[in-house]
Amino acid sequence: MTDDTRNIHQRMHDARQEVSYVQKGEKQVNGQYKFVGHDAVTALVRAAMLKHRILSVVDVVSHTQDGNRTEVDVRVTYINIDSPTDRFAVNSLGYGIDPQDKGPGKAMSYAVKYAYLKSFALETGEDIELSNIDHKPNSARQVAVDAFEAMPEDEQKFLQSKATELIALCESDQGDVVGYLDGLHLQTEEKLALWALLPSKIRTQIKKAQEADRASLPKRQPTQAEYASQA
């Protein structure tokens, strides 16, 4: 035991003074934007919590599974190590999409990352050289970018690898782009996020390939019921 008599709120206050800012990762997505990863946030707050003798415990309050998508509601409890009954908790939500078995882990990482960001009032920062630019992004493009940034880091890496493969496939002009996309079996959010990672010329090429694929399909003959309704 120590003679530290600070309560949990005082300890969190002191910790906040040391971790006011977490920098976005150096790696850019197609040279367009950076993001803050779970590991960067955890590494930053862990040092402050160890110094101020704060323990964090993560509990899963609830979770749902819909195909390859996992949604979790977690509770992060901050505990005064020197007086364990002195504690408080915050709730956070997260989701993760994975074709195999990593969805729950991705969802928890996302939820815990944002619990830490909000509990410690962390700033993620922006490029100061761009802060005064009156930027008006295309609304559809921004929706896609937002979808990507909302995903856990593991899911972002997965989609980045698929974007690289898709770009190479388009540039070689020797593969079935439409078949490749269909084979990924992506959910709506994943499709939007993947779109954000592709250069405009690649998106245009994919659209043309999809239009050509639809045009090549045989036209469906109306059923007898449809004929009757038109009579």
C-alpha atoms as a PDB file:
ATOM      1  CA  MET A   1       0.000   0.000   0.000  1.00  0.00           C
ATOM      2  CA  THR A   2       1.064   3.599  -0.522  1.00  0.00           C
ATOM      3  CA  ASP A   3       0.155   6.839   1.190  1.00  0.00           C
ATOM      4  CA  ASP A   4      -1.464   8.180  -1.990  1.00  0.00           C
ATOM      5  CA  THR A   5      -4.848   9.468  -0.838  1.00  0.00           C
ATOM      6  CA  ARG A   6      -6.091  10.786  -4.184  1.00  0.00           C
ATOM      7  CA  ASN A   7      -9.469   9.454  -5.222  1.00  0.00           C
ATOM      8  CA  ILE A   8     -10.095   7.966  -8.667  1.00  0.00           C
ATOM      9  CA  HIS A   9     -11.354  11.248 -10.104  1.00  0.00           C
ATOM     10  CA  GLN A  10      -8.276  13.115  -8.935  1.00  0.00           C
ATOM     11  CA  ARG A  11      -6.046  10.414 -10.431  1.00  0.00           C
ATOM     12  CA  MET A  12      -7.862  10.584 -13.760  1.00  0.00           C
ATOM     13  CA  HIS A  13      -7.537  14.369 -13.674  1.00  0.00           C
ATOM     14  CA  ASP A  14      -3.782  14.113 -13.158  1.00  0.00           C
ATOM     15  CA  ALA A  15      -3.469  11.457 -15.871  1.00  0.00           C
ATOM     16  CA  ARG A  16      -5.366  13.640 -18.327  1.00  0.00           C
ATOM     17  CA  GLN A  17      -2.792  16.376 -17.914  1.00  0.00           C
ATOM     18  CA  GLU A  18      -0.129  14.006 -19.248  1.00  0.00           C
ATOM     19  CA  VAL A  19      -1.980  12.465 -22.203  1.00  0.00           C
ATOM     20  CA  SER A  20      -3.874  15.293 -23.849  1.00  0.00           C
ATOM     21  CA  TYR A  21      -2.863  14.354 -27.389  1.00  0.00           C
ATOM     22  CA  VAL A  22      -2.442  11.186 -29.412  1.00  0.00           C
ATOM     23  CA  GLN A  23      -0.984  11.545 -32.865  1.00  0.00           C
ATOM     24  CA  LYS A  24      -2.477   9.891 -35.905  1.00  0.00           C
ATOM     25  CA  GLY A  25      -0.384   7.112 -37.436  1.00  0.00           C
ATOM     26  CA  GLU A  26       2.286   7.995 -39.969  1.00  0.00           C
ATOM     27  CA  LYS A  27       0.923   5.532 -42.515  1.00  0.00           C
ATOM     28  CA  GLN A  28      -1.486   7.151 -44.925  1.00  0.00           C
ATOM     29  CA  VAL A  29      -4.254   5.489 -46.907  1.00  0.00           C
ATOM     30  CA  ASN A  30      -3.480   6.193 -50.558  1.00  0.00           C
ATOM     31  CA  GLY A  31      -1.834   9.426 -49.412  1.00  0.00           C
ATOM     32  CA  GLN A  32      -5.195  10.875 -48.368  1.00  0.00           C
ATOM     33  CA  TYR A  33      -5.591  10.665 -44.575  1.00  0.00           C
ATOM     34  CA  LYS A  34      -4.264   9.106 -41.384  1.00  0.00           C
ATOM     35  CA  PHE A  35      -6.036   7.424 -38.493  1.00  0.00           C
ATOM     36  CA  VAL A  36      -5.494   6.698 -34.810  1.00  0.00           C
ATOM     37  CA  GLY A  37      -5.108   3.011 -34.046  1.00  0.00           C
ATOM     38  CA  HIS A  38      -6.109   1.030 -30.963  1.00  0.00           C
ATOM     39  CA  ASP A  39      -2.510   0.187 -30.066  1.00  0.00           C
ATOM     40  CA  ALA A  40      -1.380   3.828 -30.150  1.00  0.00           C
ATOM     41  CA  VAL A  41      -4.181   4.915 -27.806  1.00  0.00           C
ATOM     42  CA  THR A  42      -3.664   1.988 -25.426  1.00  0.00           C
ATOM     43  CA  ALA A  43       0.100   2.542 -25.225  1.00  0.00           C
ATOM     44  CA  LEU A  44      -0.415   6.206 -24.367  1.00  0.00           C
ATOM     45  CA  VAL A  45      -3.025   5.807 -21.612  1.00  0.00           C
ATOM     46  CA  ARG A  46      -1.407   2.677 -20.159  1.00  0.00           C
ATOM     47  CA  ALA A  47       1.709   4.623 -19.116  1.00  0.00           C
ATOM     48  CA  ALA A  48      -0.400   7.299 -17.440  1.00  0.00           C
ATOM     49  CA  MET A  49      -2.576   4.752 -15.634  1.00  0.00           C
ATOM     50  CA  LEU A  50       0.459   2.867 -14.330  1.00  0.00           C
ATOM     51  CA  LYS A  51       2.007   6.077 -13.052  1.00  0.00           C
ATOM     52  CA  HIS A  52      -1.157   7.219 -11.265  1.00  0.00           C
ATOM     53  CA  ARG A  53      -2.091   3.723 -10.048  1.00  0.00           C
ATOM     54  CA  ILE A  54      -5.295   3.371 -12.035  1.00  0.00           C
ATOM     55  CA  LEU A  55      -6.526  -0.044 -13.152  1.00  0.00           C
ATOM     56  CA  SER A  56      -8.893  -0.428 -16.112  1.00  0.00           C
ATOM     57  CA  VAL A  57     -11.107  -3.499 -16.443  1.00  0.00           C
ATOM     58  CA  VAL A  58     -13.111  -4.219 -19.595  1.00  0.00           C
ATOM     59  CA  ASP A  59     -16.407  -6.143 -19.442  1.00  0.00           C
ATOM     60  CA  VAL A  60     -18.633  -7.105 -22.353  1.00  0.00           C
ATOM     61  CA  VAL A  61     -22.151  -6.001 -21.437  1.00  0.00           C
ATOM     62  CA  SER A  62     -23.776  -7.452 -24.547  1.00  0.00           C
ATOM     63  CA  HIS A  63     -22.942  -8.548 -28.052  1.00  0.00           C
ATOM     64  CA  THR A  64     -24.746  -9.570 -31.209  1.00  0.00           C
ATOM     65  CA  GLN A  65     -23.624 -11.487 -34.260  1.00  0.00           C
ATOM     66  CA  ASP A  66     -25.116 -10.927 -37.712  1.00  0.00           C
ATOM     67  CA  GLY A  67     -23.267 -12.971 -40.303  1.00  0.00           C
ATOM     68  CA  ASN A  68     -19.680 -11.705 -40.318  1.00  0.00           C
ATOM     69  CA  ARG A  69     -20.515  -8.580 -38.293  1.00  0.00           C
ATOM     70  CA  THR A  70     -20.100  -8.434 -34.507  1.00  0.00           C
ATOM     71  CA  GLU A  71     -21.475  -5.607 -32.363  1.00  0.00           C
ATOM     72  CA  VAL A  72     -20.483  -5.204 -28.717  1.00  0.00           C
ATOM     73  CA  ASP A  73     -21.428  -2.970 -25.803  1.00  0.00           C
ATOM     74  CA  VAL A  74     -18.505  -2.827 -23.367  1.00  0.00           C
ATOM     75  CA  ARG A  75     -18.047  -1.274 -19.944  1.00  0.00           C
ATOM     76  CA  VAL A  76     -14.606   0.064 -19.017  1.00  0.00           C
ATOM     77  CA  THR A  77     -14.196   0.457 -15.250  1.00  0.00           C
ATOM     78  CA  TYR A  78     -11.443   2.663 -13.839  1.00  0.00           C
ATOM     79  CA  ILE A  79     -10.338   1.543 -10.370  1.00  0.00           C
ATOM     80  CA  ASN A  80      -8.245   3.253  -7.692  1.00  0.00           C
ATOM     81  CA  ILE A  81      -5.634   0.575  -6.939  1.00  0.00           C
ATOM     82  CA  ASP A  82      -5.078   1.893  -3.414  1.00  0.00           C
ATOM     83  CA  SER A  83      -8.805   1.828  -2.643  1.00  0.00           C
ATOM     84  CA  PRO A  84     -10.483  -0.694  -4.985  1.00  0.00           C
ATOM     85  CA  THR A  85     -14.028   0.291  -4.042  1.00  0.00           C
ATOM     86  CA  ASP A  86     -13.282   3.770  -5.401  1.00  0.00           C
ATOM     87  CA  ARG A  87     -14.133   3.407  -9.073  1.00  0.00           C
ATOM     88  CA  PHE A  88     -16.286   4.603 -11.965  1.00  0.00           C
ATOM     89  CA  ALA A  89     -17.281   3.117 -15.315  1.00  0.00           C
ATOM     90  CA  VAL A  90     -18.013   4.256 -18.867  1.00  0.00           C
ATOM     91  CA  ASN A  91     -19.818   2.399 -21.632  1.00  0.00           C
ATOM     92  CA  SER A  92     -18.753   2.247 -25.248  1.00  0.00           C
ATOM     93  CA  LEU A  93     -19.976   0.616 -28.450  1.00  0.00           C
ATOM     94  CA  GLY A  94     -18.018  -1.053 -31.216  1.00  0.00           C
ATOM     95  CA  TYR A  95     -18.420  -3.296 -34.211  1.00  0.00           C
ATOM     96  CA  GLY A  96     -16.122  -5.492 -36.243  1.00  0.00           C
ATOM     97  CA  ILE A  97     -16.523  -7.198 -39.603  1.00  0.00           C
ATOM     98  CA  ASP A  98     -14.413 -10.224 -40.427  1.00  0.00           C
ATOM     99  CA  PRO A  99     -14.913 -13.164 -42.809  1.00  0.00           C
ATOM    100  CA  GLN A 100     -13.455 -15.587 -40.253  1.00  0.00           C
ATOM    101  CA  ASP A 101     -13.265 -15.394 -36.445  1.00  0.00           C
ATOM    102  CA  LYS A 102     -11.735 -11.990 -35.649  1.00  0.00           C
ATOM    103  CA  GLY A 103     -14.962  -9.973 -35.542  1.00  0.00           C
ATOM    104  CA  PRO A 104     -15.368  -9.983 -31.735  1.00  0.00           C
ATOM    105  CA  GLY A 105     -11.772  -8.882 -31.200  1.00  0.00           C
ATOM    106  CA  LYS A 106     -12.109  -6.079 -33.736  1.00  0.00           C
ATOM    107  CA  ALA A 107     -15.349  -4.893 -32.152  1.00  0.00           C
ATOM    108  CA  MET A 108     -13.852  -4.839 -28.654  1.00  0.00           C
ATOM    109  CA  SER A 109     -10.717  -3.023 -29.847  1.00  0.00           C
ATOM    110  CA  TYR A 110     -12.847  -0.340 -31.481  1.00  0.00           C
ATOM    111  CA  ALA A 111     -15.058   0.097 -28.414  1.00  0.00           C
ATOM    112  CA  VAL A 112     -12.181   0.218 -25.926  1.00  0.00           C
ATOM    113  CA  LYS A 113     -10.211   2.655 -28.095  1.00  0.00           C
ATOM    114  CA  TYR A 114     -13.076   5.143 -28.072  1.00  0.00           C
ATOM    115  CA  ALA A 115     -13.707   4.633 -24.364  1.00  0.00           C
ATOM    116  CA  TYR A 116     -10.106   5.648 -23.712  1.00  0.00           C
ATOM    117  CA  LEU A 117     -10.268   8.561 -26.153  1.00  0.00           C
ATOM    118  CA  LYS A 118     -13.344   9.994 -24.442  1.00  0.00           C
ATOM    119  CA  SER A 119     -12.400   9.146 -20.838  1.00  0.00           C
ATOM    120  CA  PHE A 120      -9.036  10.861 -21.142  1.00  0.00           C
ATOM    121  CA  ALA A 121     -10.387  13.652 -23.415  1.00  0.00           C
ATOM    122  CA  LEU A 122      -7.691  12.885 -25.976  1.00  0.00           C
ATOM    123  CA  GLU A 123      -7.220  14.999 -29.069  1.00  0.00           C
ATOM    124  CA  THR A 124      -6.210  13.253 -32.286  1.00  0.00           C
ATOM    125  CA  GLY A 125      -5.024  16.373 -34.080  1.00  0.00           C
ATOM    126  CA  GLU A 126      -5.209  17.623 -37.633  1.00  0.00           C
ATOM    127  CA  ASP A 127      -2.597  18.763 -40.135  1.00  0.00           C
ATOM    128  CA  ILE A 128      -2.151  22.432 -39.234  1.00  0.00           C
ATOM    129  CA  GLU A 129      -1.269  23.287 -42.854  1.00  0.00           C
ATOM    130  CA  LEU A 130      -4.708  22.098 -43.930  1.00  0.00           C
ATOM    131  CA  SER A 131      -6.747  23.570 -41.078  1.00  0.00           C
ATOM    132  CA  ASN A 132      -7.590  26.834 -42.870  1.00  0.00           C
ATOM    133  CA  ILE A 133      -8.586  25.319 -46.203  1.00  0.00           C
ATOM    134  CA  ASP A 134     -12.262  25.577 -47.099  1.00  0.00           C
ATOM    135  CA  HIS A 135     -12.647  21.961 -48.130  1.00  0.00           C
ATOM    136  CA  LYS A 136     -15.930  20.796 -49.626  1.00  0.00           C
ATOM    137  CA  PRO A 137     -15.648  17.066 -50.290  1.00  0.00           C
ATOM    138  CA  ASN A 138     -18.005  15.202 -52.523  1.00  0.00           C
ATOM    139  CA  SER A 139     -20.774  13.937 -50.240  1.00  0.00           C
ATOM    140  CA  ALA A 140     -20.686  10.376 -51.592  1.00  0.00           C
ATOM    141  CA  ARG A 141     -16.910  10.301 -51.240  1.00  0.00           C
ATOM    142  CA  GLN A 142     -17.113  11.561 -47.673  1.00  0.00           C
ATOM    143  CA  VAL A 143     -19.602   8.842 -46.753  1.00  0.00           C
ATOM    144  CA  ALA A 144     -17.113   6.256 -47.996  1.00  0.00           C
ATOM    145  CA  VAL A 145     -14.221   7.849 -46.089  1.00  0.00           C
ATOM    146  CA  ASP A 146     -16.295   8.002 -42.903  1.00  0.00           C
ATOM    147  CA  ALA A 147     -17.177   4.323 -43.274  1.00  0.00           C
ATOM    148  CA  PHE A 148     -13.502   3.415 -43.452  1.00  0.00           C
ATOM    149  CA  GLU A 149     -12.449   5.600 -40.517  1.00  0.00           C
ATOM    150  CA  ALA A 150     -15.203   4.106 -38.341  1.00  0.00           C
ATOM    151  CA  MET A 151     -13.806   0.597 -38.731  1.00  0.00           C
ATOM    152  CA  PRO A 152     -11.372  -1.137 -36.363  1.00  0.00           C
ATOM    153  CA  GLU A 153      -7.720  -1.100 -37.365  1.00  0.00           C
ATOM    154  CA  ASP A 154      -7.663  -4.813 -38.295  1.00  0.00           C
ATOM    155  CA  GLU A 155     -10.595  -4.338 -40.658  1.00  0.00           C
ATOM    156  CA  GLN A 156      -8.920  -1.287 -42.184  1.00  0.00           C
ATOM    157  CA  LYS A 157      -5.775  -3.317 -42.877  1.00  0.00           C
ATOM    158  CA  PHE A 158      -7.850  -6.100 -44.435  1.00  0.00           C
ATOM    159  CA  LEU A 159      -9.589  -3.673 -46.799  1.00  0.00           C
ATOM    160  CA  GLN A 160      -6.306  -1.945 -47.635  1.00  0.00           C
ATOM    161  CA  SER A 161      -4.858  -5.268 -48.796  1.00  0.00           C
ATOM    162  CA  LYS A 162      -7.947  -5.969 -50.908  1.00  0.00           C
ATOM    163  CA  ALA A 163      -7.788  -2.470 -52.407  1.00  0.00           C
ATOM    164  CA  THR A 164      -4.164  -3.095 -53.410  1.00  0.00           C
ATOM    165  CA  GLU A 165      -5.118  -6.387 -55.061  1.00  0.00           C
ATOM    166  CA  LEU A 166      -8.061  -4.761 -56.827  1.00  0.00           C
ATOM    167  CA  ILE A 167      -5.932  -1.890 -58.147  1.00  0.00           C
ATOM    168  CA  ALA A 168      -3.346  -4.359 -59.486  1.00  0.00           C
ATOM    169  CA  LEU A 169      -6.102  -6.395 -61.114  1.00  0.00           C
ATOM    170  CA  CYS A 170      -7.559  -3.330 -62.836  1.00  0.00           C
ATOM    171  CA  GLU A 171      -4.189  -2.073 -64.011  1.00  0.00           C
ATOM    172  CA  SER A 172      -3.262  -5.455 -65.492  1.00  0.00           C
ATOM    173  CA  ASP A 173      -6.553  -5.469 -67.429  1.00  0.00           C
ATOM    174  CA  GLN A 174      -6.401  -9.270 -67.402  1.00  0.00           C
ATOM    175  CA  GLY A 175      -8.730 -10.266 -64.597  1.00  0.00           C
ATOM    176  CA  ASP A 176     -12.419 -10.459 -63.807  1.00  0.00           C
ATOM    177  CA  VAL A 177     -12.862  -7.355 -61.648  1.00  0.00           C
ATOM    178  CA  VAL A 178     -16.582  -7.913 -61.112  1.00  0.00           C
ATOM    179  CA  GLY A 179     -16.033 -11.541 -60.150  1.00  0.00           C
ATOM    180  CA  TYR A 180     -13.284 -10.542 -57.724  1.00  0.00           C
ATOM    181  CA  LEU A 181     -15.543  -8.030 -55.963  1.00  0.00           C
ATOM    182  CA  ASP A 182     -18.443 -10.479 -55.781  1.00  0.00           C
ATOM    183  CA  GLY A 183     -16.120 -13.105 -54.331  1.00  0.00           C
ATOM    184  CA  LEU A 184     -15.229 -10.871 -51.376  1.00  0.00           C
ATOM    185  CA  HIS A 185     -18.839 -11.019 -50.102  1.00  0.00           C
ATOM    186  CA  LEU A 186     -18.553  -7.566 -48.515  1.00  0.00           C
ATOM    187  CA  GLN A 187     -21.249  -5.947 -46.423  1.00  0.00           C
ATOM    188  CA  THR A 188     -22.538  -2.459 -47.273  1.00  0.00           C
ATOM    189  CA  GLU A 189     -20.152  -0.674 -44.874  1.00  0.00           C
ATOM    190  CA  GLU A 190     -17.188  -2.646 -46.207  1.00  0.00           C
ATOM    191  CA  LYS A 191     -18.056  -1.829 -49.811  1.00  0.00           C
ATOM    192  CA  LEU A 192     -18.214   1.872 -48.962  1.00  0.00           C
ATOM    193  CA  ALA A 193     -14.917   1.725 -47.099  1.00  0.00           C
ATOM    194  CA  LEU A 194     -13.198  -0.144 -49.927  1.00  0.00           C
ATOM    195  CA  TRP A 195     -14.455   2.481 -52.393  1.00  0.00           C
ATOM    196  CA  ALA A 196     -12.705   5.178 -50.344  1.00  0.00           C
ATOM    197  CA  LEU A 197      -9.359   3.438 -50.866  1.00  0.00           C
ATOM    198  CA  LEU A 198      -9.519   3.383 -54.660  1.00  0.00           C
ATOM    199  CA  PRO A 199      -8.223   6.113 -57.021  1.00  0.00           C
ATOM    200  CA  SER A 200     -10.865   7.772 -59.158  1.00  0.00           C
ATOM    201  CA  LYS A 201      -9.646   6.149 -62.390  1.00  0.00           C
ATOM    202  CA  ILE A 202      -9.932   2.703 -60.792  1.00  0.00           C
ATOM    203  CA  ARG A 203     -13.462   3.443 -59.555  1.00  0.00           C
ATOM    204  CA  THR A 204     -14.430   4.544 -63.057  1.00  0.00           C
ATOM    205  CA  GLN A 205     -12.951   1.377 -64.522  1.00  0.00           C
ATOM    206  CA  ILE A 206     -14.881  -0.781 -62.071  1.00  0.00           C
ATOM    207  CA  LYS A 207     -18.150   1.014 -62.821  1.00  0.00           C
ATOM    208  CA  LYS A 208     -17.690   0.386 -66.536  1.00  0.00           C
ATOM    209  CA  ALA A 209     -16.920  -3.274 -65.904  1.00  0.00           C
ATOM    210  CA  GLN A 210     -20.050  -3.628 -63.775  1.00  0.00           C
ATOM    211  CA  GLU A 211     -22.195  -1.942 -66.431  1.00  0.00           C
ATOM    212  CA  ALA A 212     -20.793  -4.227 -69.113  1.00  0.00           C
ATOM    213  CA  ASP A 213     -21.426  -7.257 -66.932  1.00  0.00           C
ATOM    214  CA  ARG A 214     -25.060  -6.260 -66.381  1.00  0.00           C
ATOM    215  CA  ALA A 215     -25.535  -5.597 -70.087  1.00  0.00           C
ATOM    216  CA  SER A 216     -24.253  -9.090 -70.937  1.00  0.00           C
ATOM    217  CA  LEU A 217     -26.870 -10.815 -68.789  1.00  0.00           C
ATOM    218  CA  PRO A 218     -29.835 -12.291 -70.695  1.00  0.00           C
ATOM    219  CA  LYS A 219     -33.016 -10.318 -70.322  1.00  0.00           C
ATOM    220  CA  ARG A 220     -35.618 -11.993 -68.141  1.00  0.00           C
ATOM    221  CA  GLN A 221     -38.897 -12.807 -69.835  1.00  0.00           C
ATOM    222  CA  PRO A 222     -42.018 -11.465 -68.080  1.00  0.00           C
ATOM    223  CA  THR A 223     -44.073 -14.021 -66.197  1.00  0.00           C
ATOM    224  CA  GLN A 224     -47.702 -14.742 -67.060  1.00  0.00           C
ATOM    225  CA  ALA A 225     -48.784 -12.727 -64.012  1.00  0.00           C
ATOM    226  CA  GLU A 226     -46.776  -9.741 -65.242  1.00  0.00           C
ATOM    227  CA  TYR A 227     -48.292 -10.077 -68.715  1.00  0.00           C
ATOM    228  CA  ALA A 228     -51.765 -10.163 -67.162  1.00  0.00           C
ATOM    229  CA  SER A 229     -51.104  -7.050 -65.064  1.00  0.00           C
ATOM    230  CA  GLN A 230     -50.118  -5.142 -68.190  1.00  0.00           C
ATOM    231  CA  ALA A 231     -53.204  -6.169 -70.141  1.00  0.00           C
END
